[in-house]
Amino acid sequence: MTNTMQKTLLLPITLTLLLISSNAANANDKHSTSLYQDKIMTKGLNHLGLTVKNVQASADFFINTLGWKKAGGYPDYPSIFVTDGDIFLTLWQTNDVEKTVLFDRKNNVGLHHLALTVASKEILDELHRRFTLVPDLVIEFAPELNGKGPTIHMMIREPSGNRIEFAYTPTKK
């Protein structure tokens, strides 16, 4: 093997070893550059799981009032999964309804509320009308401007007490 051939073979090996040792030295350095340093590592919401005190009443709300579809669940750990085609919710039954403690958004850490987008002001108004007919549903406030607008929103507590906001933002013309 000639000297030139040895150098040609050794150069890529040497560069590879330098790269490996450099990466190993930086593996524990939290400020090291990484292939993913400037990339967003998630793609969106996969699903949201809500604990509910009445899994059937909550599922009925999403299915019968909002028009969502049932998408599964587990009878042995009572749950029902629902979807609107974009969002996937898993509803999980509490073990002891008598011991259920409703979430206090001002004093507990957890989900403050779920906000869902609607396509028009008319749909928002129709949902408000439907909500007045749902037993155990609490309307916190009817459709109103969010601050100075342009978004119009309303807030409810579905039959198990989870807060859900419905919002419509008109497009600029």
N, C-alpha and C. Protein backbone atom coordinates (compact mmCIF):
# COMPACT_ATOMS: atom_id res chain seq x y z
N MET A 1 0.85 -1.16 0.00
CA MET A 1 0.00 0.00 0.00
C MET A 1 0.90 1.23 0.00
N THR A 2 0.59 2.17 -0.88
CA THR A 2 1.42 3.37 -0.98
C THR A 2 1.08 4.34 0.14
N ASN A 3 1.96 5.27 0.35
CA ASN A 3 1.78 6.30 1.37
C ASN A 3 0.53 7.14 1.08
N THR A 4 0.29 7.46 -0.18
CA THR A 4 -0.88 8.25 -0.58
C THR A 4 -2.16 7.49 -0.29
N MET A 5 -2.16 6.18 -0.56
CA MET A 5 -3.35 5.37 -0.29
C MET A 5 -3.63 5.30 1.21
N GLN A 6 -2.58 5.19 2.01
CA GLN A 6 -2.76 5.14 3.46
C GLN A 6 -3.38 6.45 3.96
N LYS A 7 -2.87 7.58 3.43
CA LYS A 7 -3.40 8.89 3.84
C LYS A 7 -4.87 9.03 3.41
N THR A 8 -5.18 8.55 2.22
CA THR A 8 -6.55 8.63 1.71
C THR A 8 -7.51 7.83 2.58
N LEU A 9 -7.07 6.67 3.04
CA LEU A 9 -7.92 5.83 3.90
C LEU A 9 -7.98 6.36 5.34
N LEU A 10 -6.88 6.90 5.82
CA LEU A 10 -6.83 7.36 7.21
C LEU A 10 -7.59 8.67 7.43
N LEU A 11 -7.64 9.53 6.44
CA LEU A 11 -8.29 10.83 6.62
C LEU A 11 -9.77 10.69 7.00
N PRO A 12 -10.59 9.92 6.27
CA PRO A 12 -11.99 9.78 6.67
C PRO A 12 -12.14 9.11 8.04
N ILE A 13 -11.29 8.14 8.33
CA ILE A 13 -11.36 7.46 9.63
C ILE A 13 -11.03 8.43 10.75
N THR A 14 -9.99 9.23 10.56
CA THR A 14 -9.59 10.22 11.56
C THR A 14 -10.69 11.25 11.79
N LEU A 15 -11.28 11.75 10.71
CA LEU A 15 -12.37 12.73 10.84
C LEU A 15 -13.57 12.13 11.57
N THR A 16 -13.89 10.89 11.27
CA THR A 16 -15.01 10.22 11.94
C THR A 16 -14.73 10.07 13.42
N LEU A 17 -13.51 9.64 13.77
CA LEU A 17 -13.15 9.49 15.19
C LEU A 17 -13.18 10.83 15.91
N LEU A 18 -12.73 11.90 15.27
CA LEU A 18 -12.79 13.23 15.87
C LEU A 18 -14.24 13.65 16.11
N LEU A 19 -15.09 13.40 15.15
CA LEU A 19 -16.51 13.74 15.28
C LEU A 19 -17.16 12.96 16.41
N ILE A 20 -16.87 11.67 16.49
CA ILE A 20 -17.43 10.83 17.56
C ILE A 20 -16.96 11.31 18.92
N SER A 21 -15.66 11.59 19.05
CA SER A 21 -15.15 12.04 20.35
C SER A 21 -15.70 13.42 20.71
N SER A 22 -15.87 14.28 19.73
CA SER A 22 -16.44 15.61 19.98
C SER A 22 -17.88 15.49 20.45
N ASN A 23 -18.66 14.63 19.80
CA ASN A 23 -20.05 14.42 20.21
C ASN A 23 -20.13 13.79 21.59
N ALA A 24 -19.24 12.85 21.88
CA ALA A 24 -19.24 12.22 23.20
C ALA A 24 -18.89 13.23 24.27
N ALA A 25 -17.95 14.12 24.00
CA ALA A 25 -17.57 15.13 24.98
C ALA A 25 -18.70 16.11 25.23
N ASN A 26 -19.49 16.37 24.19
CA ASN A 26 -20.59 17.33 24.33
C ASN A 26 -21.90 16.70 24.76
N ALA A 27 -21.96 15.39 24.89
CA ALA A 27 -23.21 14.70 25.20
C ALA A 27 -23.82 15.17 26.50
N ASN A 28 -22.99 15.48 27.47
CA ASN A 28 -23.50 15.94 28.76
C ASN A 28 -23.59 17.45 28.86
N ASP A 29 -23.19 18.16 27.81
CA ASP A 29 -23.25 19.62 27.81
C ASP A 29 -24.62 20.05 27.31
N LYS A 30 -25.45 20.61 28.22
CA LYS A 30 -26.82 20.95 27.85
C LYS A 30 -26.89 22.08 26.83
N HIS A 31 -25.78 22.78 26.63
CA HIS A 31 -25.78 23.88 25.67
C HIS A 31 -25.15 23.50 24.34
N SER A 32 -24.84 22.22 24.18
CA SER A 32 -24.19 21.80 22.94
C SER A 32 -25.17 21.89 21.78
N THR A 33 -24.62 22.10 20.62
CA THR A 33 -25.47 22.14 19.44
C THR A 33 -25.91 20.73 19.11
N SER A 34 -27.10 20.65 18.62
CA SER A 34 -27.67 19.36 18.31
C SER A 34 -28.37 19.48 16.97
N LEU A 35 -28.53 18.36 16.34
CA LEU A 35 -29.24 18.33 15.07
C LEU A 35 -30.63 18.93 15.21
N TYR A 36 -31.23 18.78 16.40
CA TYR A 36 -32.61 19.22 16.62
C TYR A 36 -32.72 20.51 17.41
N GLN A 37 -31.60 21.20 17.66
CA GLN A 37 -31.60 22.35 18.55
C GLN A 37 -32.67 23.38 18.20
N ASP A 38 -32.80 23.73 16.94
CA ASP A 38 -33.73 24.78 16.54
C ASP A 38 -35.02 24.24 15.93
N LYS A 39 -35.29 22.98 16.15
CA LYS A 39 -36.50 22.38 15.58
C LYS A 39 -37.55 22.19 16.65
N ILE A 40 -38.79 22.43 16.28
CA ILE A 40 -39.91 22.11 17.16
C ILE A 40 -40.04 20.60 17.17
N MET A 41 -40.11 20.04 18.35
CA MET A 41 -40.04 18.59 18.49
C MET A 41 -41.41 17.90 18.51
N THR A 42 -42.47 18.65 18.53
CA THR A 42 -43.81 18.06 18.53
C THR A 42 -44.56 18.50 17.28
N LYS A 43 -45.63 17.78 16.95
CA LYS A 43 -46.41 18.07 15.75
C LYS A 43 -47.83 18.52 16.03
N GLY A 44 -48.24 18.52 17.26
CA GLY A 44 -49.61 18.89 17.57
C GLY A 44 -50.14 18.05 18.70
N LEU A 45 -51.39 18.22 18.99
CA LEU A 45 -52.04 17.50 20.08
C LEU A 45 -52.46 16.12 19.59
N ASN A 46 -51.99 15.07 20.25
CA ASN A 46 -52.39 13.72 19.88
C ASN A 46 -53.77 13.42 20.44
N HIS A 47 -53.95 13.66 21.73
CA HIS A 47 -55.26 13.52 22.36
C HIS A 47 -55.22 14.25 23.69
N LEU A 48 -56.37 14.46 24.26
CA LEU A 48 -56.48 15.06 25.58
C LEU A 48 -57.35 14.15 26.42
N GLY A 49 -56.85 13.75 27.57
CA GLY A 49 -57.59 12.88 28.48
C GLY A 49 -58.23 13.69 29.59
N LEU A 50 -59.52 13.53 29.78
CA LEU A 50 -60.25 14.22 30.84
C LEU A 50 -60.82 13.20 31.82
N THR A 51 -60.63 13.46 33.10
CA THR A 51 -61.29 12.65 34.13
C THR A 51 -62.69 13.22 34.31
N VAL A 52 -63.68 12.35 34.31
CA VAL A 52 -65.08 12.79 34.41
C VAL A 52 -65.79 12.01 35.51
N LYS A 53 -66.80 12.64 36.10
CA LYS A 53 -67.53 11.95 37.17
C LYS A 53 -68.64 11.06 36.61
N ASN A 54 -69.06 11.31 35.37
CA ASN A 54 -70.09 10.49 34.73
C ASN A 54 -69.69 10.32 33.27
N VAL A 55 -68.99 9.23 32.98
CA VAL A 55 -68.43 9.04 31.65
C VAL A 55 -69.52 9.01 30.57
N GLN A 56 -70.67 8.42 30.86
CA GLN A 56 -71.72 8.35 29.86
C GLN A 56 -72.34 9.72 29.59
N ALA A 57 -72.59 10.50 30.65
CA ALA A 57 -73.16 11.84 30.48
C ALA A 57 -72.19 12.74 29.71
N SER A 58 -70.90 12.63 30.02
CA SER A 58 -69.91 13.45 29.30
C SER A 58 -69.81 13.01 27.85
N ALA A 59 -69.79 11.71 27.59
CA ALA A 59 -69.74 11.21 26.21
C ALA A 59 -71.00 11.64 25.45
N ASP A 60 -72.16 11.53 26.09
CA ASP A 60 -73.41 11.95 25.45
C ASP A 60 -73.35 13.43 25.07
N PHE A 61 -72.76 14.25 25.93
CA PHE A 61 -72.63 15.68 25.63
C PHE A 61 -71.83 15.87 24.33
N PHE A 62 -70.68 15.24 24.24
CA PHE A 62 -69.85 15.41 23.04
C PHE A 62 -70.51 14.80 21.80
N ILE A 63 -71.14 13.65 21.96
CA ILE A 63 -71.74 12.95 20.81
C ILE A 63 -73.08 13.58 20.41
N ASN A 64 -73.99 13.73 21.35
CA ASN A 64 -75.34 14.19 21.01
C ASN A 64 -75.47 15.70 20.88
N THR A 65 -74.69 16.46 21.64
CA THR A 65 -74.82 17.91 21.59
C THR A 65 -73.88 18.53 20.57
N LEU A 66 -72.65 18.02 20.50
CA LEU A 66 -71.66 18.60 19.59
C LEU A 66 -71.54 17.85 18.27
N GLY A 67 -72.12 16.65 18.18
CA GLY A 67 -72.07 15.89 16.93
C GLY A 67 -70.79 15.09 16.73
N TRP A 68 -70.02 14.88 17.80
CA TRP A 68 -68.79 14.10 17.71
C TRP A 68 -69.14 12.62 17.54
N LYS A 69 -68.14 11.81 17.27
CA LYS A 69 -68.32 10.36 17.10
C LYS A 69 -67.59 9.61 18.21
N LYS A 70 -68.17 8.48 18.60
CA LYS A 70 -67.50 7.60 19.55
C LYS A 70 -66.35 6.93 18.81
N ALA A 71 -65.18 6.84 19.48
CA ALA A 71 -64.00 6.29 18.82
C ALA A 71 -63.30 5.25 19.68
N GLY A 72 -64.04 4.61 20.58
CA GLY A 72 -63.44 3.56 21.40
C GLY A 72 -63.62 3.79 22.88
N GLY A 73 -62.81 3.09 23.66
CA GLY A 73 -62.87 3.17 25.11
C GLY A 73 -62.54 1.82 25.72
N TYR A 74 -62.51 1.78 27.05
CA TYR A 74 -62.21 0.55 27.78
C TYR A 74 -63.26 0.32 28.85
N PRO A 75 -64.01 -0.79 28.78
CA PRO A 75 -65.03 -1.05 29.80
C PRO A 75 -64.44 -1.38 31.17
N ASP A 76 -63.24 -2.01 31.21
CA ASP A 76 -62.67 -2.40 32.51
C ASP A 76 -62.08 -1.21 33.28
N TYR A 77 -61.68 -0.16 32.61
CA TYR A 77 -61.32 1.11 33.25
C TYR A 77 -62.26 2.09 32.57
N PRO A 78 -63.46 2.25 33.11
CA PRO A 78 -64.50 2.91 32.34
C PRO A 78 -64.03 4.18 31.65
N SER A 79 -64.08 4.10 30.33
CA SER A 79 -63.69 5.25 29.52
C SER A 79 -64.40 5.18 28.18
N ILE A 80 -64.59 6.35 27.61
CA ILE A 80 -65.16 6.46 26.27
C ILE A 80 -64.31 7.49 25.54
N PHE A 81 -63.92 7.16 24.31
CA PHE A 81 -63.12 8.06 23.50
C PHE A 81 -64.03 8.69 22.44
N VAL A 82 -63.86 9.98 22.20
CA VAL A 82 -64.69 10.71 21.24
C VAL A 82 -63.80 11.58 20.35
N THR A 83 -64.30 11.87 19.16
CA THR A 83 -63.54 12.70 18.23
C THR A 83 -64.47 13.52 17.35
N ASP A 84 -63.97 14.68 16.94
CA ASP A 84 -64.68 15.48 15.94
C ASP A 84 -64.01 15.35 14.58
N GLY A 85 -63.07 14.44 14.47
CA GLY A 85 -62.32 14.24 13.23
C GLY A 85 -60.96 14.92 13.26
N ASP A 86 -60.81 15.92 14.12
CA ASP A 86 -59.53 16.60 14.29
C ASP A 86 -58.99 16.41 15.70
N ILE A 87 -59.85 16.54 16.68
CA ILE A 87 -59.46 16.43 18.09
C ILE A 87 -59.93 15.09 18.62
N PHE A 88 -59.10 14.46 19.43
CA PHE A 88 -59.40 13.16 20.02
C PHE A 88 -59.38 13.33 21.53
N LEU A 89 -60.51 13.09 22.19
CA LEU A 89 -60.60 13.18 23.65
C LEU A 89 -60.82 11.80 24.24
N THR A 90 -60.15 11.53 25.35
CA THR A 90 -60.40 10.31 26.11
C THR A 90 -61.05 10.73 27.42
N LEU A 91 -62.21 10.18 27.69
CA LEU A 91 -62.98 10.51 28.89
C LEU A 91 -62.86 9.34 29.85
N TRP A 92 -62.37 9.59 31.07
CA TRP A 92 -62.07 8.54 32.04
C TRP A 92 -62.94 8.73 33.27
N GLN A 93 -63.66 7.69 33.64
CA GLN A 93 -64.56 7.70 34.80
C GLN A 93 -63.77 7.72 36.11
N THR A 94 -64.18 8.60 37.05
CA THR A 94 -63.58 8.57 38.39
C THR A 94 -64.01 7.29 39.09
N ASN A 95 -63.22 6.85 40.07
CA ASN A 95 -63.54 5.62 40.80
C ASN A 95 -64.72 5.79 41.75
N ASP A 96 -64.77 6.89 42.47
CA ASP A 96 -65.80 7.09 43.49
C ASP A 96 -66.43 8.46 43.30
N VAL A 97 -67.61 8.48 42.69
CA VAL A 97 -68.29 9.74 42.38
C VAL A 97 -68.53 10.56 43.64
N GLU A 98 -68.80 9.89 44.75
CA GLU A 98 -69.06 10.60 46.01
C GLU A 98 -67.83 11.37 46.50
N LYS A 99 -66.64 10.90 46.16
CA LYS A 99 -65.41 11.55 46.60
C LYS A 99 -64.83 12.48 45.54
N THR A 100 -65.53 12.64 44.42
CA THR A 100 -65.04 13.47 43.33
C THR A 100 -64.93 14.92 43.79
N VAL A 101 -63.80 15.53 43.50
CA VAL A 101 -63.57 16.94 43.81
C VAL A 101 -63.44 17.67 42.48
N LEU A 102 -64.31 18.65 42.25
CA LEU A 102 -64.23 19.41 41.00
C LEU A 102 -62.99 20.28 41.00
N PHE A 103 -62.45 20.51 39.84
CA PHE A 103 -61.25 21.32 39.67
C PHE A 103 -61.55 22.78 39.98
N ASP A 104 -60.68 23.40 40.75
CA ASP A 104 -60.77 24.82 41.07
C ASP A 104 -59.66 25.52 40.28
N ARG A 105 -60.02 26.17 39.19
CA ARG A 105 -59.03 26.73 38.28
C ARG A 105 -58.14 27.79 38.90
N LYS A 106 -58.58 28.39 40.01
CA LYS A 106 -57.77 29.44 40.64
C LYS A 106 -56.85 28.90 41.72
N ASN A 107 -57.03 27.65 42.13
CA ASN A 107 -56.23 27.11 43.23
C ASN A 107 -55.57 25.77 42.94
N ASN A 108 -55.89 25.14 41.82
CA ASN A 108 -55.30 23.83 41.50
C ASN A 108 -54.44 23.93 40.26
N VAL A 109 -53.45 23.08 40.21
CA VAL A 109 -52.64 22.94 39.00
C VAL A 109 -53.32 21.89 38.14
N GLY A 110 -53.48 22.18 36.86
CA GLY A 110 -54.12 21.23 35.97
C GLY A 110 -54.71 21.96 34.77
N LEU A 111 -55.58 21.30 34.10
CA LEU A 111 -56.20 21.87 32.90
C LEU A 111 -57.15 22.99 33.30
N HIS A 112 -56.85 24.21 32.91
CA HIS A 112 -57.70 25.37 33.21
C HIS A 112 -59.00 25.27 32.41
N HIS A 113 -58.88 25.03 31.12
CA HIS A 113 -60.04 24.80 30.27
C HIS A 113 -59.58 24.27 28.92
N LEU A 114 -60.50 23.68 28.21
CA LEU A 114 -60.28 23.22 26.84
C LEU A 114 -60.98 24.23 25.95
N ALA A 115 -60.31 24.76 24.94
CA ALA A 115 -60.91 25.73 24.03
C ALA A 115 -61.08 25.10 22.66
N LEU A 116 -62.30 25.13 22.16
CA LEU A 116 -62.63 24.56 20.85
C LEU A 116 -63.05 25.67 19.91
N THR A 117 -62.60 25.59 18.68
CA THR A 117 -62.94 26.57 17.66
C THR A 117 -64.23 26.15 16.97
N VAL A 118 -65.10 27.12 16.70
CA VAL A 118 -66.29 26.86 15.88
C VAL A 118 -66.19 27.72 14.62
N ALA A 119 -66.92 27.33 13.58
CA ALA A 119 -66.76 27.92 12.26
C ALA A 119 -67.51 29.22 12.04
N SER A 120 -68.51 29.53 12.88
CA SER A 120 -69.29 30.75 12.64
C SER A 120 -69.97 31.22 13.91
N LYS A 121 -70.40 32.46 13.90
CA LYS A 121 -71.17 33.02 15.01
C LYS A 121 -72.50 32.29 15.13
N GLU A 122 -73.08 31.90 14.01
CA GLU A 122 -74.35 31.17 14.03
C GLU A 122 -74.21 29.83 14.75
N ILE A 123 -73.11 29.14 14.51
CA ILE A 123 -72.88 27.87 15.20
C ILE A 123 -72.68 28.11 16.68
N LEU A 124 -71.96 29.15 17.05
CA LEU A 124 -71.76 29.49 18.46
C LEU A 124 -73.11 29.74 19.13
N ASP A 125 -73.98 30.49 18.46
CA ASP A 125 -75.32 30.76 19.01
C ASP A 125 -76.16 29.49 19.11
N GLU A 126 -76.05 28.61 18.11
CA GLU A 126 -76.80 27.35 18.15
C GLU A 126 -76.30 26.46 19.28
N LEU A 127 -75.00 26.43 19.49
CA LEU A 127 -74.46 25.66 20.61
C LEU A 127 -74.98 26.21 21.94
N HIS A 128 -75.01 27.51 22.07
CA HIS A 128 -75.54 28.11 23.30
C HIS A 128 -76.98 27.66 23.53
N ARG A 129 -77.78 27.67 22.47
CA ARG A 129 -79.17 27.22 22.59
C ARG A 129 -79.22 25.76 23.03
N ARG A 130 -78.42 24.91 22.40
CA ARG A 130 -78.40 23.49 22.76
C ARG A 130 -77.96 23.29 24.21
N PHE A 131 -76.99 24.07 24.65
CA PHE A 131 -76.47 23.91 26.01
C PHE A 131 -77.53 24.18 27.06
N THR A 132 -78.48 25.04 26.75
CA THR A 132 -79.56 25.32 27.71
C THR A 132 -80.44 24.09 27.94
N LEU A 133 -80.36 23.10 27.04
CA LEU A 133 -81.19 21.91 27.13
C LEU A 133 -80.48 20.71 27.76
N VAL A 134 -79.19 20.83 28.03
CA VAL A 134 -78.41 19.69 28.54
C VAL A 134 -78.44 19.67 30.06
N PRO A 135 -78.95 18.57 30.65
CA PRO A 135 -78.96 18.48 32.11
C PRO A 135 -77.54 18.51 32.68
N ASP A 136 -77.39 19.12 33.82
CA ASP A 136 -76.12 19.19 34.55
C ASP A 136 -75.02 19.97 33.84
N LEU A 137 -75.35 20.66 32.77
CA LEU A 137 -74.38 21.52 32.10
C LEU A 137 -74.53 22.93 32.66
N VAL A 138 -73.42 23.58 32.96
CA VAL A 138 -73.45 24.95 33.49
C VAL A 138 -72.89 25.89 32.43
N ILE A 139 -73.65 26.91 32.10
CA ILE A 139 -73.16 27.94 31.18
C ILE A 139 -72.55 29.04 32.05
N GLU A 140 -71.23 29.20 31.98
CA GLU A 140 -70.56 30.25 32.77
C GLU A 140 -70.86 31.62 32.19
N PHE A 141 -70.81 31.73 30.87
CA PHE A 141 -71.25 32.96 30.22
C PHE A 141 -71.63 32.66 28.78
N ALA A 142 -72.63 33.41 28.30
CA ALA A 142 -73.14 33.27 26.93
C ALA A 142 -72.14 33.90 25.96
N PRO A 143 -72.35 33.70 24.65
CA PRO A 143 -71.42 34.29 23.68
C PRO A 143 -71.24 35.79 23.88
N GLU A 144 -69.97 36.18 23.95
CA GLU A 144 -69.61 37.59 24.14
C GLU A 144 -68.23 37.82 23.54
N LEU A 145 -67.89 39.10 23.35
CA LEU A 145 -66.55 39.41 22.85
C LEU A 145 -65.51 38.99 23.87
N ASN A 146 -64.42 38.46 23.38
CA ASN A 146 -63.28 38.15 24.24
C ASN A 146 -62.42 39.41 24.29
N GLY A 147 -62.47 40.12 25.41
CA GLY A 147 -61.79 41.41 25.51
C GLY A 147 -62.40 42.39 24.53
N LYS A 148 -61.57 42.98 23.69
CA LYS A 148 -62.05 43.95 22.69
C LYS A 148 -62.32 43.28 21.35
N GLY A 149 -62.28 41.96 21.33
CA GLY A 149 -62.59 41.24 20.10
C GLY A 149 -61.36 41.08 19.23
N PRO A 150 -61.50 40.54 18.06
CA PRO A 150 -62.74 40.20 17.38
C PRO A 150 -63.33 38.85 17.78
N THR A 151 -62.58 38.04 18.56
CA THR A 151 -63.08 36.72 18.92
C THR A 151 -64.31 36.82 19.81
N ILE A 152 -65.30 35.99 19.50
CA ILE A 152 -66.51 35.86 20.31
C ILE A 152 -66.43 34.48 20.94
N HIS A 153 -66.69 34.40 22.24
CA HIS A 153 -66.55 33.12 22.92
C HIS A 153 -67.59 32.95 24.01
N MET A 154 -67.71 31.71 24.49
CA MET A 154 -68.54 31.41 25.65
C MET A 154 -67.86 30.29 26.41
N MET A 155 -68.23 30.16 27.68
CA MET A 155 -67.60 29.15 28.53
C MET A 155 -68.69 28.35 29.21
N ILE A 156 -68.47 27.03 29.24
CA ILE A 156 -69.42 26.13 29.91
C ILE A 156 -68.65 25.17 30.81
N ARG A 157 -69.39 24.45 31.62
CA ARG A 157 -68.88 23.27 32.32
C ARG A 157 -69.74 22.11 31.84
N GLU A 158 -69.11 21.14 31.17
CA GLU A 158 -69.85 19.99 30.67
C GLU A 158 -70.38 19.19 31.86
N PRO A 159 -71.23 18.20 31.65
CA PRO A 159 -71.91 17.52 32.76
C PRO A 159 -71.01 16.99 33.88
N SER A 160 -69.74 16.74 33.62
CA SER A 160 -68.83 16.29 34.68
C SER A 160 -68.05 17.44 35.31
N GLY A 161 -68.27 18.66 34.84
CA GLY A 161 -67.65 19.83 35.46
C GLY A 161 -66.42 20.38 34.76
N ASN A 162 -65.94 19.75 33.69
CA ASN A 162 -64.78 20.28 32.98
C ASN A 162 -65.16 21.54 32.21
N ARG A 163 -64.31 22.56 32.31
CA ARG A 163 -64.57 23.83 31.63
C ARG A 163 -64.19 23.72 30.16
N ILE A 164 -65.11 24.14 29.29
CA ILE A 164 -64.85 24.13 27.85
C ILE A 164 -65.26 25.49 27.30
N GLU A 165 -64.34 26.08 26.57
CA GLU A 165 -64.60 27.35 25.90
C GLU A 165 -64.88 27.05 24.43
N PHE A 166 -65.83 27.77 23.86
CA PHE A 166 -66.13 27.68 22.44
C PHE A 166 -65.87 29.07 21.86
N ALA A 167 -65.07 29.14 20.80
CA ALA A 167 -64.63 30.44 20.29
C ALA A 167 -64.76 30.50 18.78
N TYR A 168 -65.19 31.68 18.32
CA TYR A 168 -65.25 31.98 16.90
C TYR A 168 -64.49 33.28 16.66
N THR A 169 -63.55 33.24 15.73
CA THR A 169 -62.81 34.44 15.35
C THR A 169 -63.11 34.74 13.90
N PRO A 170 -63.84 35.84 13.64
CA PRO A 170 -64.16 36.18 12.26
C PRO A 170 -62.88 36.52 11.48
N THR A 171 -62.87 36.18 10.21
CA THR A 171 -61.73 36.53 9.37
C THR A 171 -61.87 37.98 8.94
N LYS A 172 -60.72 38.64 8.78
CA LYS A 172 -60.74 40.03 8.34
C LYS A 172 -61.15 40.08 6.88
N LYS A 173 -61.99 41.05 6.56
CA LYS A 173 -62.47 41.17 5.17
C LYS A 173 -61.75 42.28 4.46
